[in-house]
């Protein structure tokens, strides 16, 4: 999972990715536990960046830490999705995050403290 070769559980990976986002000045970081709610993934990590360029920079740092299986939205930068299978990271601009409201959609999911 990690390029450093360490075996990580999905929860540990989600927390590490959230920490990296925080270190890169991402804001409003939330981890949702979807294990009992959805077959899509185990965890969502949702965060807000300050600009499209900032979002791309965060995504690049996450990709250096652990290579995602799939990335969407790097070109535009307003909503970047990094799919690690068991963990899906969403990096939004503030306006795009408010518009799509993933927190409202998945609001019944437990949140993990960062």
Protein backbone atom coordinates (compact mmCIF):
# COMPACT_ATOMS: atom_id res chain seq x y z
CA UNK A 1 0.00 0.00 0.00
CA UNK A 2 2.62 2.54 1.02
CA UNK A 3 5.68 3.05 -1.13
CA UNK A 4 7.68 2.75 2.07
CA UNK A 5 6.64 -0.90 2.22
CA UNK A 6 4.79 -0.83 5.53
CA UNK A 7 1.52 -2.74 5.74
CA UNK A 8 -1.28 -0.41 6.78
CA UNK A 9 -4.85 -1.09 7.75
CA UNK A 10 -7.44 0.99 5.88
CA UNK A 11 -8.08 3.05 9.04
CA UNK A 12 -4.37 3.75 9.53
CA UNK A 13 -4.07 4.71 5.88
CA UNK A 14 -7.04 7.08 6.17
CA UNK A 15 -5.50 8.71 9.25
CA UNK A 16 -2.08 9.06 7.61
CA UNK A 17 -3.60 10.60 4.49
CA UNK A 18 -5.58 13.02 6.68
CA UNK A 19 -2.37 13.93 8.53
CA UNK A 20 -0.59 14.67 5.25
CA UNK A 21 -3.50 16.86 4.15
CA UNK A 22 -3.30 18.72 7.45
CA UNK A 23 0.49 19.11 7.13
CA UNK A 24 -0.08 20.66 3.69
CA UNK A 25 -2.58 23.15 5.18
CA UNK A 26 -5.74 21.42 3.97
CA UNK A 27 -8.80 22.48 5.96
CA UNK A 28 -12.00 20.98 7.43
CA UNK A 29 -10.66 17.42 7.27
CA UNK A 30 -13.17 14.70 8.07
CA UNK A 31 -12.92 10.91 7.98
CA UNK A 32 -16.17 8.99 7.53
CA UNK A 33 -16.40 5.30 8.45
CA UNK A 34 -18.55 3.75 5.71
CA UNK A 35 -17.90 0.08 6.51
CA UNK A 36 -21.43 -0.63 7.76
CA UNK A 37 -23.15 1.78 5.40
CA UNK A 38 -21.81 1.31 1.88
CA UNK A 39 -19.99 -1.30 -0.19
CA UNK A 40 -18.16 1.48 -2.09
CA UNK A 41 -15.23 1.81 0.30
CA UNK A 42 -14.38 1.58 4.00
CA UNK A 43 -13.46 5.23 4.59
CA UNK A 44 -13.91 8.63 2.98
CA UNK A 45 -11.39 11.35 3.78
CA UNK A 46 -12.85 14.74 2.85
CA UNK A 47 -10.88 17.99 2.91
CA UNK A 48 -10.88 21.51 1.53
CA UNK A 49 -7.96 23.21 -0.17
CA UNK A 50 -7.40 26.93 -0.61
CA UNK A 51 -7.25 26.86 -4.44
CA UNK A 52 -7.16 24.44 -7.36
CA UNK A 53 -3.34 24.62 -7.34
CA UNK A 54 -3.31 23.91 -3.60
CA UNK A 55 -5.63 20.91 -4.15
CA UNK A 56 -3.31 19.51 -6.84
CA UNK A 57 -0.30 19.98 -4.56
CA UNK A 58 -2.04 18.09 -1.74
CA UNK A 59 -2.98 15.29 -4.17
CA UNK A 60 0.62 15.03 -5.39
CA UNK A 61 1.91 14.69 -1.82
CA UNK A 62 -0.69 12.01 -1.06
CA UNK A 63 0.31 10.13 -4.22
CA UNK A 64 3.97 10.24 -3.18
CA UNK A 65 3.11 8.74 0.20
CA UNK A 66 0.87 5.96 -1.17
CA UNK A 67 0.10 5.37 -4.83
CA UNK A 68 -3.66 5.48 -5.47
CA UNK A 69 -5.30 2.97 -7.80
CA UNK A 70 -7.12 5.80 -9.56
CA UNK A 71 -7.16 9.62 -9.59
CA UNK A 72 -9.87 11.91 -10.98
CA UNK A 73 -9.99 15.69 -11.28
CA UNK A 74 -6.31 16.64 -11.29
CA UNK A 75 -6.74 18.71 -14.45
CA UNK A 76 -9.40 21.01 -13.00
CA UNK A 77 -8.48 20.79 -9.34
CA UNK A 78 -11.85 21.84 -7.91
CA UNK A 79 -12.63 18.27 -6.82
CA UNK A 80 -9.84 15.73 -6.81
CA UNK A 81 -10.62 12.12 -5.95
CA UNK A 82 -7.88 9.67 -5.03
CA UNK A 83 -9.08 6.06 -4.85
CA UNK A 84 -7.07 3.71 -2.65
CA UNK A 85 -9.86 1.06 -2.84
CA UNK A 86 -10.47 0.84 0.95
CA UNK A 87 -10.01 4.60 1.35
CA UNK A 88 -11.26 7.31 -1.01
CA UNK A 89 -9.92 10.85 -0.57
CA UNK A 90 -11.93 13.86 -1.78
CA UNK A 91 -10.11 17.20 -1.95
CA UNK A 92 -12.48 20.06 -2.73
CA UNK A 93 -12.46 23.77 -3.29
CA UNK A 94 -14.72 25.37 -0.67
CA UNK A 95 -17.46 26.21 -3.21
CA UNK A 96 -17.47 22.74 -4.78
CA UNK A 97 -17.56 21.05 -1.37
CA UNK A 98 -20.56 23.12 -0.32
CA UNK A 99 -22.33 22.46 -3.63
CA UNK A 100 -21.99 18.65 -3.55
CA UNK A 101 -22.43 18.29 0.22
CA UNK A 102 -20.92 14.86 0.78
CA UNK A 103 -21.26 15.45 4.52
CA UNK A 104 -25.03 15.72 4.07
CA UNK A 105 -25.12 12.62 1.88
CA UNK A 106 -23.03 10.51 4.28
CA UNK A 107 -24.06 12.33 7.49
CA UNK A 108 -25.26 9.14 9.17
CA UNK A 109 -21.77 7.61 8.91
CA UNK A 110 -19.62 7.68 12.05
CA UNK A 111 -16.78 10.21 11.96
CA UNK A 112 -13.23 9.29 12.97
CA UNK A 113 -11.26 11.75 15.06
CA UNK A 114 -8.05 12.91 13.42
